[in-house]
Amino acid sequence: MKVLVVDDNVMTRSMIIDLLTEMGHQIVGQAENGDEAVKVFTEQKPELVLMDLIMPGKTGLEALQEIIAIDRTAKVVMVTAVQQDIMSQQLLDKGAIAVLHKPFMYEELEAVLKKVA
């Protein structure tokens, strides 16, 4: 699957990219904030976006809404350390196809990807 990885923390982004590459996915782009995410999404048209919720500037929620406005069929998995059911439900209501909570294990990422593929 062609994936865009969005996280303001370079170490987290790198770890997610390593896991995805190990699973056989192709990284078509990466971004460190919501503005970059929307730009790279528009340019690369990835099959999946893994995006952090809390980032400086445009948040993951704002970027999610813009990406869904661009492509209603976009598959966006939100990745967050916020462990609140209310927030998770809001993300799903706004168009995310899944929410992955940090820190997550390889198996959790793999299960989410199988569910959304």
Protein backbone atom coordinates (compact mmCIF):
# COMPACT_ATOMS: atom_id res chain seq x y z
CA MET A 1 0.00 0.00 0.00
CA LYS A 2 1.21 3.54 -0.76
CA VAL A 3 1.34 5.44 2.54
CA LEU A 4 1.81 9.03 3.71
CA VAL A 5 3.17 9.34 7.27
CA VAL A 6 2.46 12.56 9.19
CA ASP A 7 3.95 13.29 12.63
CA ASP A 8 5.77 16.31 14.02
CA ASN A 9 8.17 14.06 15.97
CA VAL A 10 10.92 12.87 13.61
CA MET A 11 11.67 9.82 15.78
CA THR A 12 8.04 8.70 15.78
CA ARG A 13 7.76 9.31 12.05
CA SER A 14 10.93 7.30 11.44
CA MET A 15 9.70 4.42 13.63
CA ILE A 16 6.35 4.27 11.81
CA ILE A 17 8.12 4.39 8.42
CA ASP A 18 10.44 1.54 9.49
CA LEU A 19 7.47 -0.59 10.61
CA LEU A 20 5.51 0.08 7.42
CA THR A 21 8.53 -0.67 5.23
CA GLU A 22 9.13 -3.91 7.13
CA MET A 23 5.50 -4.85 6.43
CA GLY A 24 6.06 -4.29 2.71
CA HIS A 25 4.31 -0.95 2.28
CA GLN A 26 5.66 1.88 0.11
CA ILE A 27 6.18 5.28 1.75
CA VAL A 28 5.18 7.88 -0.84
CA GLY A 29 5.62 10.87 1.45
CA GLN A 30 6.05 12.21 4.93
CA ALA A 31 5.08 15.43 6.61
CA GLU A 32 5.64 17.08 9.98
CA ASN A 33 2.47 19.18 10.20
CA GLY A 34 -1.07 19.44 8.89
CA ASP A 35 -0.28 21.93 6.14
CA GLU A 36 2.42 19.68 4.71
CA ALA A 37 0.11 16.67 5.05
CA VAL A 38 -2.58 18.24 2.87
CA LYS A 39 0.01 19.37 0.30
CA VAL A 40 1.70 15.95 0.07
CA PHE A 41 -1.68 14.18 0.00
CA THR A 42 -2.76 16.30 -2.95
CA GLU A 43 0.51 15.68 -4.81
CA GLN A 44 1.03 11.97 -4.07
CA LYS A 45 -2.54 10.60 -3.73
CA PRO A 46 -1.53 7.91 -1.20
CA GLU A 47 -3.77 4.91 -0.56
CA LEU A 48 -3.45 5.47 3.19
CA VAL A 49 -2.50 8.33 5.51
CA LEU A 50 -1.20 7.69 9.04
CA MET A 51 -1.48 11.05 10.81
CA ASP A 52 -0.71 12.35 14.27
CA LEU A 53 -3.47 14.33 15.98
CA ILE A 54 -1.50 16.95 17.91
CA MET A 55 0.94 18.93 15.79
CA PRO A 56 2.01 22.58 15.69
CA GLY A 57 0.10 24.78 13.28
CA LYS A 58 -2.68 22.89 11.55
CA THR A 59 -3.72 19.96 13.74
CA GLY A 60 -4.32 16.43 12.55
CA LEU A 61 -8.07 16.96 12.95
CA GLU A 62 -7.99 20.05 10.72
CA ALA A 63 -5.83 18.26 8.13
CA LEU A 64 -8.14 15.23 8.28
CA GLN A 65 -11.12 17.42 7.46
CA GLU A 66 -9.28 19.06 4.54
CA ILE A 67 -8.12 15.71 3.14
CA ILE A 68 -11.66 14.29 3.35
CA ALA A 69 -12.95 17.44 1.62
CA ILE A 70 -10.44 16.84 -1.20
CA ASP A 71 -11.19 13.10 -1.46
CA ARG A 72 -14.21 11.61 0.33
CA THR A 73 -12.74 8.12 -0.19
CA ALA A 74 -9.40 8.95 1.48
CA LYS A 75 -8.28 6.42 4.08
CA VAL A 76 -6.86 8.24 7.10
CA VAL A 77 -5.77 6.51 10.29
CA MET A 78 -5.29 8.96 13.14
CA VAL A 79 -2.41 8.21 15.50
CA THR A 80 -2.66 9.81 18.92
CA ALA A 81 -1.52 9.64 22.51
CA VAL A 82 -4.90 11.09 23.57
CA GLN A 83 -6.68 8.18 25.23
CA GLN A 84 -10.20 9.58 25.25
CA ASP A 85 -13.16 7.76 23.76
CA ILE A 86 -14.83 11.11 23.02
CA MET A 87 -11.85 12.26 20.93
CA SER A 88 -11.61 8.91 19.13
CA GLN A 89 -15.32 9.06 18.27
CA GLN A 90 -14.97 12.65 17.03
CA LEU A 91 -12.10 11.60 14.73
CA LEU A 92 -14.16 8.73 13.34
CA ASP A 93 -17.16 11.04 12.88
CA LYS A 94 -14.96 13.50 10.94
CA GLY A 95 -13.81 10.82 8.50
CA ALA A 96 -10.94 8.83 10.03
CA ILE A 97 -11.24 5.12 9.25
CA ALA A 98 -9.43 4.11 12.46
CA VAL A 99 -7.66 5.52 15.50
CA LEU A 100 -4.35 4.05 16.66
CA HIS A 101 -3.22 4.94 20.17
CA LYS A 102 0.43 5.68 21.02
CA PRO A 103 2.45 3.87 22.08
CA PHE A 104 1.44 0.98 19.85
CA MET A 105 2.99 -2.38 19.08
CA TYR A 106 3.82 -3.80 15.64
CA GLU A 107 0.85 -6.17 15.94
CA GLU A 108 -1.58 -3.30 16.63
CA LEU A 109 -0.40 -1.39 13.54
CA GLU A 110 -0.59 -4.56 11.46
CA ALA A 111 -4.16 -5.29 12.67
CA VAL A 112 -5.32 -1.75 11.80
CA LEU A 113 -3.74 -1.96 8.34
CA LYS A 114 -5.40 -5.32 7.64
CA LYS A 115 -8.75 -3.87 8.72
CA VAL A 116 -8.48 -0.85 6.39
CA ALA A 117 -6.86 -2.52 3.36
